[in-house]
Amino acid sequence: MQGLGALNWHDGGNLHIDWRWAGGDPVLYERYAAELIALDPEVLVAWGSPNVAALRRQTSTIPIVIVNVTDPVGQGFVQSLARPGGNITGFTDYDPPMAGKWLGMLTQIIPPVARMAVLFNPATAPFAGMMARVIEKSASSLAVAVPAAPCRDDAEIEAMMAGLAREERGGLLILPKNFNIVHRDAIITFAARYRLPAAYPYRFFTEIGELMSYGIEPTDLFGARLPMSIAS
């Protein structure tokens, strides 16, 4: 809203915005995509890969501006970053090699992490496989075990962390997507309870008590002005 206001666009004035928030619920992505497209908007804005995928399945003509989408080229949303093609353009947040940076951070603390669980929800993180390959490659050179830790609710998150706490020098790597943001209170609470160091992709995790983060400021991308030279 701040970014639009700076360009003299105001909701309720010369602009009307319809909002939908799935809150990381896979069931709602398709429903909300259909609802928004039925309203015949001039443009769609989508945060996160599952939202983009749902909209893309239902329209190939309405322009879609993406925000905070990891590796849109690797996921097949656009042809390239310079020339996206089709009806999709916007802003990416992380390339898979960033996952190697998070892994490296946890091997530099005292004591260094030797076994690192990678937390994600497979239903809302379709890019996880791409990041996992980078993590596994980096882990082999750092002598770190990196078991995947797919979780779908708070109970699974706690069970995973309780098991990891029984391992020597265990730690967590939190992938950057909606599920982990929505469940951040549980993640932080259980990480503290089981004394597990963790690396996070967003600064707000450290602002509310966690150990370390490295990455972009996601709200900056929402207010960014899209260069018309790369618009589809």
Protein backbone atom coordinates (compact mmCIF):
# COMPACT_ATOMS: atom_id res chain seq x y z
CA MET A 1 0.00 0.00 0.00
CA GLN A 2 2.89 2.36 0.73
CA GLY A 3 4.48 1.59 -2.63
CA LEU A 4 1.24 2.25 -4.48
CA GLY A 5 0.62 5.44 -2.51
CA ALA A 6 4.01 6.78 -3.54
CA LEU A 7 2.79 6.47 -7.14
CA ASN A 8 -0.56 8.14 -6.33
CA TRP A 9 -2.64 4.96 -6.42
CA HIS A 10 -5.05 4.64 -3.50
CA ASP A 11 -7.42 1.82 -2.62
CA GLY A 12 -10.97 3.17 -2.54
CA GLY A 13 -10.00 6.10 -4.76
CA ASN A 14 -8.52 5.41 -8.18
CA LEU A 15 -7.87 1.75 -7.34
CA HIS A 16 -9.81 -1.21 -5.95
CA ILE A 17 -8.00 -4.15 -4.32
CA ASP A 18 -9.51 -7.53 -3.44
CA TRP A 19 -7.49 -9.49 -0.89
CA ARG A 20 -7.20 -13.18 -0.15
CA TRP A 21 -4.92 -14.81 2.46
CA ALA A 22 -4.54 -18.60 2.47
CA GLY A 23 -2.38 -18.66 5.60
CA GLY A 24 -0.35 -21.62 4.31
CA ASP A 25 -3.45 -23.81 3.87
CA PRO A 26 -3.02 -25.85 0.64
CA VAL A 27 -6.78 -26.32 0.30
CA LEU A 28 -7.36 -22.58 -0.02
CA TYR A 29 -4.90 -21.81 -2.80
CA GLU A 30 -7.05 -23.10 -5.67
CA ARG A 31 -10.28 -21.75 -4.15
CA TYR A 32 -8.92 -18.25 -3.68
CA ALA A 33 -7.27 -18.23 -7.10
CA ALA A 34 -10.62 -19.06 -8.70
CA GLU A 35 -12.39 -16.38 -6.64
CA LEU A 36 -9.94 -13.67 -7.66
CA ILE A 37 -9.95 -14.59 -11.33
CA ALA A 38 -13.77 -14.59 -11.33
CA LEU A 39 -13.61 -10.92 -10.30
CA ASP A 40 -11.93 -10.17 -13.67
CA PRO A 41 -9.02 -8.11 -12.27
CA GLU A 42 -6.60 -6.14 -14.42
CA VAL A 43 -3.61 -7.58 -12.55
CA LEU A 44 -2.94 -10.28 -9.94
CA VAL A 45 -0.25 -10.07 -7.24
CA ALA A 46 0.91 -13.37 -5.75
CA TRP A 47 3.18 -13.96 -2.77
CA GLY A 48 4.86 -17.37 -2.67
CA SER A 49 5.12 -20.33 -5.00
CA PRO A 50 1.84 -22.14 -4.17
CA ASN A 51 -0.17 -18.99 -4.89
CA VAL A 52 1.62 -18.42 -8.18
CA ALA A 53 1.12 -22.05 -9.23
CA ALA A 54 -2.61 -21.89 -8.41
CA LEU A 55 -3.14 -18.69 -10.40
CA ARG A 56 -1.02 -19.93 -13.29
CA ARG A 57 -3.16 -23.06 -13.61
CA GLN A 58 -6.26 -20.92 -13.99
CA THR A 59 -5.15 -18.04 -16.22
CA SER A 60 -2.59 -17.49 -18.95
CA THR A 61 -3.82 -14.01 -19.88
CA ILE A 62 -4.23 -11.88 -16.74
CA PRO A 63 -0.84 -10.40 -15.75
CA ILE A 64 0.57 -11.92 -12.55
CA VAL A 65 3.16 -10.01 -10.53
CA ILE A 66 5.06 -12.37 -8.23
CA VAL A 67 6.68 -11.41 -4.92
CA ASN A 68 9.03 -13.48 -2.75
CA VAL A 69 9.10 -16.49 -5.06
CA THR A 70 12.17 -18.72 -4.83
CA ASP A 71 13.88 -19.57 -8.14
CA PRO A 72 10.98 -18.77 -10.52
CA VAL A 73 13.06 -19.99 -13.46
CA GLY A 74 13.79 -23.37 -11.87
CA GLN A 75 10.12 -23.76 -10.95
CA GLY A 76 9.08 -23.06 -14.54
CA PHE A 77 7.11 -19.88 -13.82
CA VAL A 78 9.22 -17.71 -16.15
CA GLN A 79 11.63 -18.32 -19.01
CA SER A 80 14.43 -16.19 -17.53
CA LEU A 81 14.91 -13.36 -15.03
CA ALA A 82 15.79 -10.89 -17.76
CA ARG A 83 12.94 -11.90 -20.09
CA PRO A 84 10.21 -13.67 -18.11
CA GLY A 85 7.82 -14.09 -21.05
CA GLY A 86 4.16 -15.11 -20.77
CA ASN A 87 1.93 -13.33 -18.28
CA ILE A 88 4.22 -13.54 -15.21
CA THR A 89 6.85 -11.09 -13.97
CA GLY A 90 7.97 -9.71 -10.62
CA PHE A 91 10.53 -10.28 -7.89
CA THR A 92 12.38 -13.35 -6.66
CA ASP A 93 13.70 -13.72 -3.12
CA TYR A 94 16.18 -16.61 -2.90
CA ASP A 95 18.17 -18.69 -5.33
CA PRO A 96 18.91 -22.27 -4.19
CA PRO A 97 22.64 -21.51 -3.54
CA MET A 98 21.54 -19.35 -0.59
CA ALA A 99 20.78 -22.58 1.27
CA GLY A 100 24.49 -23.35 1.30
CA LYS A 101 25.11 -20.05 3.09
CA TRP A 102 22.68 -20.96 5.89
CA LEU A 103 24.32 -24.35 6.23
CA GLY A 104 27.76 -22.77 6.50
CA MET A 105 26.61 -20.37 9.22
CA LEU A 106 25.60 -23.23 11.50
CA THR A 107 28.97 -24.94 11.08
CA GLN A 108 30.75 -21.78 12.29
CA ILE A 109 29.09 -21.47 15.69
CA ILE A 110 30.56 -22.99 18.88
CA PRO A 111 30.06 -25.90 19.05
CA PRO A 112 29.46 -26.36 15.32
CA VAL A 113 26.34 -28.21 14.22
CA ALA A 114 27.03 -31.74 12.97
CA ARG A 115 23.48 -32.88 12.18
CA MET A 116 21.08 -30.36 10.69
CA ALA A 117 17.37 -30.94 10.04
CA VAL A 118 15.90 -28.99 7.12
CA LEU A 119 12.39 -27.86 8.07
CA PHE A 120 9.69 -27.38 5.43
CA ASN A 121 6.15 -28.42 4.51
CA PRO A 122 6.22 -30.36 1.20
CA ALA A 123 2.68 -29.21 0.40
CA THR A 124 3.67 -25.53 0.41
CA ALA A 125 7.36 -25.62 -0.62
CA PRO A 126 7.58 -27.08 -4.14
CA PHE A 127 11.08 -25.63 -4.50
CA ALA A 128 12.44 -27.63 -1.53
CA GLY A 129 13.94 -30.30 -3.76
CA MET A 130 16.09 -27.73 -5.58
CA MET A 131 17.39 -26.33 -2.31
CA ALA A 132 17.92 -29.81 -0.90
CA ARG A 133 20.36 -30.63 -3.72
CA VAL A 134 22.42 -27.53 -2.92
CA ILE A 135 22.33 -28.32 0.81
CA GLU A 136 23.43 -31.92 0.26
CA LYS A 137 26.31 -30.81 -1.96
CA SER A 138 27.49 -28.26 0.62
CA ALA A 139 27.01 -30.73 3.49
CA SER A 140 29.30 -33.29 1.94
CA SER A 141 32.23 -30.86 2.01
CA LEU A 142 31.42 -29.72 5.56
CA ALA A 143 30.96 -33.22 7.02
CA VAL A 144 27.42 -32.40 8.14
CA ALA A 145 24.40 -34.74 8.00
CA VAL A 146 21.30 -32.97 6.64
CA PRO A 147 18.17 -35.11 7.03
CA ALA A 148 15.00 -33.59 5.56
CA ALA A 149 12.35 -32.76 8.17
CA PRO A 150 8.99 -32.43 6.39
CA CYS A 151 6.35 -31.20 8.85
CA ARG A 152 2.68 -30.38 8.35
CA ASP A 153 1.61 -29.06 11.76
CA ASP A 154 2.88 -27.99 15.18
CA ALA A 155 2.76 -31.54 16.57
CA GLU A 156 5.07 -32.82 13.82
CA ILE A 157 7.40 -29.87 14.36
CA GLU A 158 7.76 -30.67 18.06
CA ALA A 159 8.20 -34.39 17.46
CA MET A 160 10.95 -33.71 14.92
CA MET A 161 12.79 -31.32 17.25
CA ALA A 162 12.48 -33.66 20.23
CA GLY A 163 14.11 -36.41 18.20
CA LEU A 164 16.83 -34.10 16.89
CA ALA A 165 17.64 -32.94 20.44
CA ARG A 166 18.67 -36.49 21.27
CA GLU A 167 21.35 -36.30 18.57
CA GLU A 168 24.76 -34.85 19.34
CA ARG A 169 25.27 -31.27 18.05
CA GLY A 170 21.90 -31.07 16.32
CA GLY A 171 20.59 -27.91 14.65
CA LEU A 172 17.91 -26.58 12.32
CA LEU A 173 17.79 -24.96 8.92
CA ILE A 174 14.46 -23.19 8.29
CA LEU A 175 13.50 -22.82 4.63
CA PRO A 176 11.94 -19.52 3.54
CA LYS A 177 8.27 -20.15 2.93
CA ASN A 178 4.74 -19.55 4.13
CA PHE A 179 4.38 -22.59 6.40
CA ASN A 180 7.44 -21.69 8.45
CA ILE A 181 6.30 -18.07 8.71
CA VAL A 182 2.78 -19.00 9.81
CA HIS A 183 4.16 -21.51 12.34
CA ARG A 184 7.01 -19.29 13.53
CA ASP A 185 5.81 -19.13 17.14
CA ALA A 186 5.82 -22.92 17.43
CA ILE A 187 9.20 -23.22 15.69
CA ILE A 188 10.83 -20.66 17.99
CA THR A 189 9.20 -22.09 21.13
CA PHE A 190 10.26 -25.67 20.41
CA ALA A 191 13.76 -24.68 19.27
CA ALA A 192 14.25 -22.93 22.61
CA ARG A 193 12.68 -25.80 24.57
CA TYR A 194 14.99 -28.38 23.01
CA ARG A 195 18.00 -26.03 22.88
CA LEU A 196 18.52 -26.33 19.13
CA PRO A 197 20.47 -23.63 17.26
CA ALA A 198 18.82 -22.62 14.01
CA ALA A 199 19.48 -20.51 10.91
CA TYR A 200 16.55 -18.54 9.49
CA PRO A 201 15.98 -16.78 6.17
CA TYR A 202 14.26 -13.69 7.61
CA ARG A 203 15.43 -11.11 10.14
CA PHE A 204 12.12 -11.01 12.02
CA PHE A 205 12.89 -14.46 13.44
CA THR A 206 15.92 -13.05 15.24
CA GLU A 207 13.97 -9.97 16.31
CA ILE A 208 11.62 -12.21 18.27
CA GLY A 209 14.35 -14.24 19.91
CA GLU A 210 16.12 -16.64 17.53
CA LEU A 211 19.84 -17.10 16.94
CA MET A 212 20.73 -15.98 13.41
CA SER A 213 19.32 -15.08 10.01
CA TYR A 214 20.63 -14.24 6.58
CA GLY A 215 18.57 -13.00 3.67
CA ILE A 216 16.42 -10.33 2.11
CA GLU A 217 13.88 -8.07 3.81
CA PRO A 218 10.63 -9.43 2.29
CA THR A 219 8.54 -6.31 2.86
CA ASP A 220 10.94 -4.32 0.68
CA LEU A 221 9.93 -6.40 -2.33
CA PHE A 222 6.25 -5.60 -1.88
CA GLY A 223 6.95 -1.88 -2.07
CA ALA A 224 9.44 -2.12 -4.92
CA ARG A 225 8.67 -0.51 -8.26
CA LEU A 226 8.75 -2.95 -11.16
CA PRO A 227 10.97 -1.73 -14.05
CA MET A 228 8.81 -1.66 -17.15
CA SER A 229 11.70 -3.03 -19.20
CA ILE A 230 11.13 -6.49 -17.73
CA ALA A 231 7.34 -6.46 -17.58
CA SER A 232 5.65 -9.12 -19.70
